[in-house]
Amino acid sequence: MKMHFCIPVSQQRPDALGGRYVLYSVYLDGFLFCKVRYSQLHRWNEQLKRVFGNCLPPFPPKYYLAMTTSMADERRDQLEQYLQNVTMDPNMLRSDVFIDFLKLVQLDTFSMATKKASLDILLPDGRSIKIEILTSDTAERVLEVVSHNIGLCQELLEYFSLFLIQFCKEGRLSVVKKLADFELPCVSLRSSEVENCKVGLRKWYLDPSLDARLMDCRTAVDLIYMQAIQDIEKEWAKPTEVQRQKLEDLQKEDNQTKFLELAREVQHYGYMRLEPCTCDHPEPGCQALLSVGNNEISCCITLPDNQTQDVIFQMDRVKCWQVTFLGTLLDTDGPQQTLNQNLELRFQYFEDSHWRWFVIYTKQAFLLSSCLKKMISEKMVKQAAENPEMKDHSSFLPRKSKIKIAEVDCGFGTIKEDL
């Protein structure tokens, strides 16, 4: 599936020869990832072609004459589509030529040199461990170092990931974003502009039944056990009073296996909990709490009369979704670091024999989109395992998921639709 790359803004800069060049601000999951020139991306594309041949997506052509405004906008759109499409090939994502370039542009953009560094990694129980890495180490490499330090089986790394996690008021935690394998955690911490933020280790699957695959590794069990306890304490998972008492007894006995077996019966166990947001259902402006997991979006909606309503959206009925940014990135000193204001995620849902759109206004729209993609990929894997002869998984995918970027200037909105 495509990654959430977008280029909502570009800037003209003077070069050393008295001319001008365009610097593109590339965002990933709503956060500034790097700033690059067309020439850098062009050389990178040529390097990728030498390794992967002509299977690459189309790259925007060179212009040998001055570009008009419409030509510049078209190139920006084409570069954005190129970045989204080139990340769809898992072999390309793992290649040295792909990773080395993205490491370089991240370091250059934020003026960070490659050097030794100590990084605190937040564990699910609130403790931190300190690891020694390089500032140029990717999230994938950092995860390997963490797993080695704590004794996590290497074959289970795919079930865990690194996240940016913010410490909020009154001890609350908020998951800011999941780090992509090729992101540099040291750079992401510096560039996110999020206060009280740490890199944290959490499990990265939204199907609770997948717990069973981790039960033979003591460290993996410890991690999901710690996360289950934390999720219950933070009220992300909601046991009944009877379940809570049984879980407390099992916790006192340190019976992790039985605890996790019971926890899987708890409402919203293993779900990703988002910060309070608003939605347009059943009427515009309603407050909502979202929990995402187990192939559903669970919404606790507060109505205008302060009554609450629980609404469940099953992923089987979601046709497509899109993330939209409505704001301005114009700034005399360059674009802002994040797009977490004025974000919405809208999805098309089959209800009462027809398709209708639902809109969620949340600064975590990109994280929500990542969770939706994760649930779909997990379902695809499960369906393929149940039916090994199945070759076409397209019926399990939304027909189209897209990022729509809107730049609003002087009150006029210019909508640029991507993907």
Protein backbone atom coordinates (compact mmCIF):
# COMPACT_ATOMS: atom_id res chain seq x y z
CA MET A 1 0.00 0.00 0.00
CA LYS A 2 1.09 3.55 -0.62
CA MET A 3 2.74 5.61 2.10
CA HIS A 4 1.49 9.00 3.23
CA PHE A 5 3.99 11.12 1.29
CA CYS A 6 2.87 14.56 0.19
CA ILE A 7 4.50 17.76 -1.08
CA PRO A 8 2.00 20.47 -0.16
CA VAL A 9 4.43 23.35 -0.58
CA SER A 10 7.62 24.33 -2.41
CA GLN A 11 9.91 27.34 -2.28
CA GLN A 12 12.18 29.10 -4.73
CA ARG A 13 15.74 29.61 -3.53
CA PRO A 14 18.74 31.42 -5.07
CA ASP A 15 21.65 29.24 -6.14
CA ALA A 16 25.38 29.97 -6.11
CA LEU A 17 25.42 31.00 -9.79
CA GLY A 18 22.78 33.69 -9.42
CA GLY A 19 19.93 31.56 -10.67
CA ARG A 20 17.08 30.02 -8.74
CA TYR A 21 15.98 26.51 -7.89
CA VAL A 22 12.89 24.98 -6.29
CA LEU A 23 13.10 23.29 -2.89
CA TYR A 24 10.31 20.80 -2.22
CA SER A 25 9.09 20.19 1.34
CA VAL A 26 8.25 16.51 1.61
CA TYR A 27 5.93 15.43 4.42
CA LEU A 28 5.44 11.89 5.68
CA ASP A 29 2.43 11.08 7.85
CA GLY A 30 1.84 14.79 8.33
CA PHE A 31 5.35 15.65 9.56
CA LEU A 32 8.10 17.37 7.61
CA PHE A 33 10.37 14.57 6.42
CA CYS A 34 12.91 16.36 4.24
CA LYS A 35 13.49 19.18 1.77
CA VAL A 36 14.89 18.20 -1.61
CA ARG A 37 15.61 19.60 -5.05
CA TYR A 38 14.32 18.09 -8.26
CA SER A 39 17.91 17.32 -9.31
CA GLN A 40 18.45 15.22 -6.17
CA LEU A 41 15.31 13.20 -6.79
CA HIS A 42 16.23 12.82 -10.47
CA ARG A 43 19.66 11.36 -9.61
CA TRP A 44 18.01 9.05 -7.08
CA ASN A 45 15.56 7.84 -9.70
CA GLU A 46 18.45 7.09 -12.09
CA GLN A 47 20.18 5.07 -9.36
CA LEU A 48 17.00 3.13 -8.67
CA LYS A 49 16.58 2.42 -12.39
CA ARG A 50 20.06 0.88 -12.55
CA VAL A 51 19.01 -1.56 -9.83
CA PHE A 52 15.34 -2.18 -10.59
CA GLY A 53 15.11 -1.44 -14.31
CA ASN A 54 11.96 -0.02 -15.85
CA CYS A 55 9.57 -1.19 -13.13
CA LEU A 56 9.75 2.23 -11.48
CA PRO A 57 6.78 4.61 -11.61
CA PRO A 58 7.00 7.52 -14.09
CA PHE A 59 9.35 10.31 -13.05
CA PRO A 60 8.53 13.90 -14.11
CA PRO A 61 10.64 15.01 -17.07
CA LYS A 62 13.25 17.75 -17.09
CA TYR A 63 12.34 21.19 -18.38
CA TYR A 64 15.10 23.05 -20.20
CA LEU A 65 13.20 26.34 -20.29
CA ALA A 66 11.75 28.40 -17.47
CA MET A 67 8.67 26.79 -15.93
CA THR A 68 5.35 28.55 -15.72
CA THR A 69 3.35 28.43 -12.48
CA SER A 70 1.11 25.68 -13.85
CA MET A 71 4.14 23.66 -14.94
CA ALA A 72 5.70 24.04 -11.48
CA ASP A 73 2.47 22.88 -9.82
CA GLU A 74 2.25 19.93 -12.19
CA ARG A 75 5.82 18.90 -11.40
CA ARG A 76 5.14 19.11 -7.67
CA ASP A 77 2.09 16.88 -8.08
CA GLN A 78 4.06 14.42 -10.20
CA LEU A 79 6.90 14.22 -7.68
CA GLU A 80 4.38 13.61 -4.93
CA GLN A 81 2.78 10.77 -6.89
CA TYR A 82 6.22 9.35 -7.66
CA LEU A 83 7.14 9.18 -3.95
CA GLN A 84 3.83 7.56 -3.10
CA ASN A 85 4.11 4.97 -5.87
CA VAL A 86 7.79 4.12 -5.48
CA THR A 87 7.18 3.05 -1.88
CA MET A 88 4.66 0.38 -2.93
CA ASP A 89 7.41 -2.10 -3.87
CA PRO A 90 8.67 -3.83 -0.68
CA ASN A 91 11.91 -4.86 -2.41
CA MET A 92 12.62 -1.24 -3.22
CA LEU A 93 11.86 -0.17 0.35
CA ARG A 94 14.53 -2.56 1.61
CA SER A 95 17.20 -1.65 -0.94
CA ASP A 96 20.37 0.20 0.03
CA VAL A 97 19.99 2.78 -2.74
CA PHE A 98 16.50 3.64 -1.47
CA ILE A 99 17.40 3.81 2.23
CA ASP A 100 20.77 5.53 1.86
CA PHE A 101 19.27 8.44 -0.09
CA LEU A 102 16.44 8.99 2.37
CA LYS A 103 18.89 8.85 5.28
CA LEU A 104 21.05 11.49 3.64
CA VAL A 105 18.23 13.94 2.89
CA GLN A 106 16.83 13.62 6.41
CA LEU A 107 20.20 14.42 7.97
CA ASP A 108 20.85 17.28 5.53
CA THR A 109 17.43 18.85 5.98
CA PHE A 110 17.78 19.11 9.74
CA SER A 111 21.54 19.80 9.74
CA MET A 112 22.39 16.71 11.75
CA ALA A 113 25.74 14.96 11.38
CA THR A 114 26.26 11.22 11.71
CA LYS A 115 27.62 10.58 15.19
CA LYS A 116 27.15 8.33 18.19
CA ALA A 117 24.10 9.04 20.29
CA SER A 118 22.21 7.71 23.29
CA LEU A 119 18.49 7.21 22.78
CA ASP A 120 15.88 6.50 25.45
CA ILE A 121 13.27 3.97 24.35
CA LEU A 122 9.99 3.98 26.23
CA LEU A 123 8.68 0.50 27.07
CA PRO A 124 4.97 -0.28 27.41
CA ASP A 125 5.10 -0.24 31.22
CA GLY A 126 6.44 3.32 31.32
CA ARG A 127 10.08 2.40 31.95
CA SER A 128 12.80 3.53 29.56
CA ILE A 129 15.94 1.78 28.39
CA LYS A 130 18.93 3.61 26.98
CA ILE A 131 20.57 2.32 23.83
CA GLU A 132 23.68 3.44 21.97
CA ILE A 133 23.15 4.09 18.26
CA LEU A 134 24.18 6.42 15.45
CA THR A 135 22.10 9.45 14.55
CA SER A 136 21.92 7.96 11.05
CA ASP A 137 20.40 4.67 12.24
CA THR A 138 16.96 3.97 10.81
CA ALA A 139 13.94 2.96 12.89
CA GLU A 140 14.38 -0.58 11.58
CA ARG A 141 17.98 -0.66 12.83
CA VAL A 142 17.04 0.91 16.17
CA LEU A 143 14.30 -1.71 16.62
CA GLU A 144 16.89 -4.43 16.02
CA VAL A 145 19.17 -2.92 18.68
CA VAL A 146 16.30 -2.68 21.15
CA SER A 147 15.22 -6.27 20.50
CA HIS A 148 18.77 -7.49 21.03
CA ASN A 149 19.05 -5.60 24.32
CA ILE A 150 15.80 -6.94 25.75
CA GLY A 151 15.98 -10.45 24.25
CA LEU A 152 13.09 -10.22 21.80
CA CYS A 153 13.15 -12.96 19.14
CA GLN A 154 14.22 -11.53 15.79
CA GLU A 155 11.50 -13.40 13.91
CA LEU A 156 8.88 -11.51 15.94
CA LEU A 157 10.11 -8.01 15.09
CA GLU A 158 7.36 -7.63 12.49
CA TYR A 159 4.81 -7.56 15.31
CA PHE A 160 6.38 -4.53 16.99
CA SER A 161 7.27 -1.04 15.92
CA LEU A 162 8.63 2.26 17.16
CA PHE A 163 6.30 5.19 17.71
CA LEU A 164 6.59 8.81 18.69
CA ILE A 165 4.72 9.02 21.99
CA GLN A 166 3.83 12.25 23.77
CA PHE A 167 3.45 12.66 27.51
CA CYS A 168 0.35 14.79 28.06
CA LYS A 169 -1.24 16.33 31.14
CA GLU A 170 -2.30 14.18 34.09
CA GLY A 171 -0.09 11.28 33.00
CA ARG A 172 -1.90 10.69 29.71
CA LEU A 173 -0.04 9.26 26.75
CA SER A 174 -0.75 10.03 23.12
CA VAL A 175 0.58 8.08 20.16
CA VAL A 176 1.76 10.77 17.75
CA LYS A 177 2.85 8.59 14.83
CA LYS A 178 4.35 5.28 13.82
CA LEU A 179 7.91 5.59 12.56
CA ALA A 180 8.51 4.17 9.09
CA ASP A 181 11.37 1.69 8.81
CA PHE A 182 13.52 4.20 6.90
CA GLU A 183 12.92 7.13 9.25
CA LEU A 184 15.73 8.24 11.55
CA PRO A 185 14.38 8.36 15.12
CA CYS A 186 16.99 10.90 16.24
CA VAL A 187 15.94 13.22 13.42
CA SER A 188 12.23 12.62 13.97
CA LEU A 189 12.52 13.57 17.63
CA ARG A 190 14.22 16.84 16.73
CA SER A 191 11.97 17.72 13.82
CA SER A 192 8.52 16.81 15.15
CA GLU A 193 8.02 20.00 17.21
CA VAL A 194 6.01 17.89 19.67
CA GLU A 195 6.71 18.66 23.33
CA ASN A 196 7.48 15.93 25.88
CA CYS A 197 7.93 13.34 23.16
CA LYS A 198 9.83 10.04 23.28
CA VAL A 199 10.43 7.09 21.01
CA GLY A 200 8.39 4.19 22.33
CA LEU A 201 8.15 0.46 21.61
CA ARG A 202 4.66 -0.94 21.14
CA LYS A 203 3.13 -3.92 19.40
CA TRP A 204 2.01 -3.12 15.87
CA TYR A 205 -0.95 -5.30 15.02
CA LEU A 206 -4.64 -4.63 15.49
CA ASP A 207 -6.00 -8.18 15.35
CA PRO A 208 -6.00 -9.41 18.99
CA SER A 209 -5.90 -13.05 17.86
CA LEU A 210 -2.31 -12.49 16.67
CA ASP A 211 -1.21 -12.58 20.32
CA ALA A 212 -1.11 -16.35 19.92
CA ARG A 213 1.88 -16.11 17.58
CA LEU A 214 4.02 -14.46 20.25
CA MET A 215 3.36 -16.75 23.19
CA ASP A 216 6.52 -18.87 22.75
CA CYS A 217 8.82 -15.89 23.32
CA ARG A 218 9.11 -14.80 26.95
CA THR A 219 10.13 -11.23 26.10
CA ALA A 220 7.29 -10.81 23.60
CA VAL A 221 4.80 -12.01 26.22
CA ASP A 222 6.27 -9.56 28.73
CA LEU A 223 5.84 -6.69 26.25
CA ILE A 224 2.22 -7.39 25.30
CA TYR A 225 1.42 -8.09 28.97
CA MET A 226 2.88 -4.71 29.99
CA GLN A 227 0.99 -2.98 27.21
CA ALA A 228 -2.27 -4.68 28.19
CA ILE A 229 -1.88 -3.48 31.78
CA GLN A 230 -1.08 0.05 30.63
CA ASP A 231 -4.01 0.13 28.20
CA ILE A 232 -6.39 -0.91 30.97
CA GLU A 233 -4.92 1.63 33.42
CA LYS A 234 -5.24 4.38 30.78
CA GLU A 235 -8.80 3.18 30.04
CA TRP A 236 -7.94 2.45 26.41
CA ALA A 237 -9.28 -1.06 27.06
CA LYS A 238 -12.52 -1.31 29.05
CA PRO A 239 -13.03 -4.42 31.19
CA THR A 240 -16.27 -5.02 33.06
CA GLU A 241 -16.06 -4.96 36.85
CA VAL A 242 -16.04 -8.76 36.92
CA GLN A 243 -13.24 -8.88 34.31
CA ARG A 244 -11.28 -6.20 36.13
CA GLN A 245 -11.35 -8.15 39.39
CA LYS A 246 -10.23 -11.36 37.67
CA LEU A 247 -7.46 -9.49 35.84
CA GLU A 248 -6.24 -7.93 39.08
CA ASP A 249 -6.10 -11.36 40.70
CA LEU A 250 -4.16 -12.80 37.76
CA GLN A 251 -1.80 -9.81 37.84
CA LYS A 252 -1.08 -10.43 41.54
CA GLU A 253 -0.32 -14.05 40.69
CA ASP A 254 1.85 -12.84 37.76
CA ASN A 255 -0.02 -15.30 35.57
CA GLN A 256 0.65 -13.57 32.28
CA THR A 257 -0.75 -16.26 30.01
CA LYS A 258 -4.14 -16.41 31.74
CA PHE A 259 -4.18 -12.61 32.04
CA LEU A 260 -3.75 -12.19 28.28
CA GLU A 261 -6.33 -14.88 27.52
CA LEU A 262 -8.89 -12.97 29.57
CA ALA A 263 -7.71 -9.59 28.28
CA ARG A 264 -8.57 -10.64 24.72
CA GLU A 265 -12.22 -10.75 25.83
CA VAL A 266 -12.06 -7.15 27.09
CA GLN A 267 -13.69 -4.43 25.02
CA HIS A 268 -11.11 -2.56 22.89
CA TYR A 269 -8.21 -4.78 23.95
CA GLY A 270 -5.33 -4.26 21.50
CA TYR A 271 -6.99 -1.25 19.85
CA MET A 272 -5.27 2.03 19.01
CA ARG A 273 -6.87 4.80 21.04
CA LEU A 274 -6.93 8.28 19.52
CA GLU A 275 -7.18 11.66 21.18
CA PRO A 276 -10.65 13.27 21.55
CA CYS A 277 -11.84 14.65 18.22
CA THR A 278 -15.00 15.71 16.42
CA CYS A 279 -17.11 14.10 13.71
CA ASP A 280 -20.12 14.84 11.53
CA HIS A 281 -22.24 11.92 12.75
CA PRO A 282 -25.06 11.87 13.66
CA GLU A 283 -24.78 15.65 13.21
CA PRO A 284 -21.86 18.05 12.62
CA GLY A 285 -19.68 19.06 15.55
CA CYS A 286 -20.19 16.00 17.75
CA GLN A 287 -17.36 15.12 20.11
CA ALA A 288 -15.95 11.61 19.65
CA LEU A 289 -13.50 9.13 21.16
CA LEU A 290 -12.12 6.66 18.62
CA SER A 291 -10.66 3.22 19.24
CA VAL A 292 -9.42 1.33 16.19
CA GLY A 293 -8.78 -2.40 16.03
CA ASN A 294 -10.19 -5.87 15.40
CA ASN A 295 -11.41 -4.82 11.95
CA GLU A 296 -13.53 -1.91 13.19
CA ILE A 297 -13.62 1.77 14.07
CA SER A 298 -15.35 2.14 17.43
CA CYS A 299 -16.70 5.64 18.18
CA CYS A 300 -18.10 6.90 21.47
CA ILE A 301 -19.97 10.01 20.33
CA THR A 302 -21.21 12.78 22.61
CA LEU A 303 -24.38 14.32 21.29
CA PRO A 304 -25.34 18.01 21.70
CA ASP A 305 -27.60 17.08 24.66
CA ASN A 306 -24.55 15.40 26.33
CA GLN A 307 -25.98 11.95 25.77
CA THR A 308 -23.47 9.42 24.44
CA GLN A 309 -23.87 7.01 21.57
CA ASP A 310 -21.62 4.09 20.64
CA VAL A 311 -21.22 3.59 16.90
CA ILE A 312 -19.24 0.78 15.26
CA PHE A 313 -17.98 1.02 11.68
CA GLN A 314 -16.94 -2.37 10.32
CA MET A 315 -13.99 -2.31 7.92
CA ASP A 316 -15.80 -4.82 5.70
CA ARG A 317 -18.17 -2.00 4.79
CA VAL A 318 -15.55 0.69 4.15
CA LYS A 319 -15.10 1.36 0.44
CA CYS A 320 -12.39 4.04 0.54
CA TRP A 321 -11.02 6.88 2.61
CA GLN A 322 -9.01 10.04 2.20
CA VAL A 323 -7.04 12.40 4.42
CA THR A 324 -7.50 16.10 3.74
CA PHE A 325 -5.48 19.06 4.97
CA LEU A 326 -7.21 22.44 4.89
CA GLY A 327 -4.81 25.16 5.91
CA THR A 328 -1.84 27.21 4.82
CA LEU A 329 1.83 26.38 4.96
CA LEU A 330 2.97 29.84 3.92
CA ASP A 331 5.67 31.18 6.23
CA THR A 332 8.43 33.70 5.64
CA ASP A 333 10.95 31.34 7.20
CA GLY A 334 9.75 28.27 5.41
CA PRO A 335 6.91 25.79 5.89
CA GLN A 336 5.80 24.54 9.29
CA GLN A 337 7.04 21.18 10.52
CA THR A 338 3.66 19.46 10.87
CA LEU A 339 0.26 19.28 9.19
CA ASN A 340 -1.57 18.24 12.35
CA GLN A 341 -3.97 21.18 12.35
CA ASN A 342 -7.14 21.22 10.24
CA LEU A 343 -6.89 17.56 9.27
CA GLU A 344 -9.82 15.36 8.48
CA LEU A 345 -10.28 11.75 7.49
CA ARG A 346 -13.42 10.93 5.55
CA PHE A 347 -14.45 7.42 4.60
CA GLN A 348 -17.20 6.00 2.44
CA TYR A 349 -19.33 3.46 4.29
CA PHE A 350 -22.13 1.12 3.23
CA GLU A 351 -25.15 1.65 5.45
CA ASP A 352 -28.88 1.23 4.91
CA SER A 353 -28.35 -0.11 1.39
CA HIS A 354 -26.35 2.87 0.13
CA TRP A 355 -22.89 4.44 0.35
CA ARG A 356 -22.43 7.57 2.46
CA TRP A 357 -19.47 9.62 3.64
CA PHE A 358 -18.49 10.01 7.31
CA VAL A 359 -15.99 12.67 8.37
CA ILE A 360 -13.65 12.62 11.39
CA TYR A 361 -11.73 15.77 12.28
CA THR A 362 -8.57 14.76 14.11
CA LYS A 363 -4.92 15.79 14.23
CA GLN A 364 -4.14 12.05 14.18
CA ALA A 365 -5.76 11.54 10.76
CA PHE A 366 -2.59 10.04 9.28
CA LEU A 367 -2.19 7.66 12.22
CA LEU A 368 -5.83 6.66 11.82
CA SER A 369 -5.24 6.02 8.12
CA SER A 370 -2.21 3.87 8.96
CA CYS A 371 -4.37 1.82 11.32
CA LEU A 372 -6.99 1.30 8.62
CA LYS A 373 -4.31 0.11 6.21
CA LYS A 374 -2.90 -2.19 8.88
CA MET A 375 -6.27 -3.83 9.52
CA ILE A 376 -6.76 -4.40 5.80
CA SER A 377 -3.31 -5.96 5.38
CA GLU A 378 -3.90 -8.24 8.37
CA LYS A 379 -7.20 -9.37 6.91
CA MET A 380 -5.53 -10.08 3.56
CA VAL A 381 -2.90 -12.25 5.23
CA LYS A 382 -5.52 -14.12 7.26
CA GLN A 383 -7.73 -14.71 4.22
CA ALA A 384 -4.76 -15.92 2.18
CA ALA A 385 -3.78 -18.33 4.97
CA GLU A 386 -7.31 -19.72 5.13
CA ASN A 387 -7.43 -20.11 1.35
CA PRO A 388 -3.89 -20.79 0.00
CA GLU A 389 -5.21 -21.07 -3.57
CA MET A 390 -6.52 -17.50 -3.48
CA LYS A 391 -4.48 -15.35 -5.87
CA ASP A 392 -6.45 -12.13 -6.06
CA HIS A 393 -6.70 -10.18 -2.82
CA SER A 394 -8.20 -7.09 -4.43
CA SER A 395 -11.62 -7.75 -2.95
CA PHE A 396 -10.21 -7.05 0.51
CA LEU A 397 -8.88 -3.61 -0.39
CA PRO A 398 -10.70 -0.31 -0.60
CA ARG A 399 -11.10 0.60 -4.26
CA LYS A 400 -9.16 3.78 -3.71
CA SER A 401 -7.48 5.37 -0.72
CA LYS A 402 -6.04 8.79 -1.26
CA ILE A 403 -4.49 11.81 0.33
CA LYS A 404 -6.05 15.08 -0.68
CA ILE A 405 -4.04 18.21 0.04
CA ALA A 406 -5.65 21.63 -0.05
CA GLU A 407 -3.69 24.86 0.15
CA VAL A 408 -5.80 27.79 1.25
CA ASP A 409 -4.44 31.23 0.44
CA CYS A 410 -6.31 34.53 0.83
CA GLY A 411 -9.55 32.67 1.37
CA PHE A 412 -9.45 30.71 -1.87
CA GLY A 413 -8.94 26.96 -1.77
CA THR A 414 -6.99 25.13 -4.44
CA ILE A 415 -7.67 21.41 -4.17
CA LYS A 416 -5.00 19.07 -5.43
CA GLU A 417 -6.11 15.48 -5.44
CA ASP A 418 -3.40 12.85 -5.22
CA LEU A 419 -3.05 9.12 -5.74
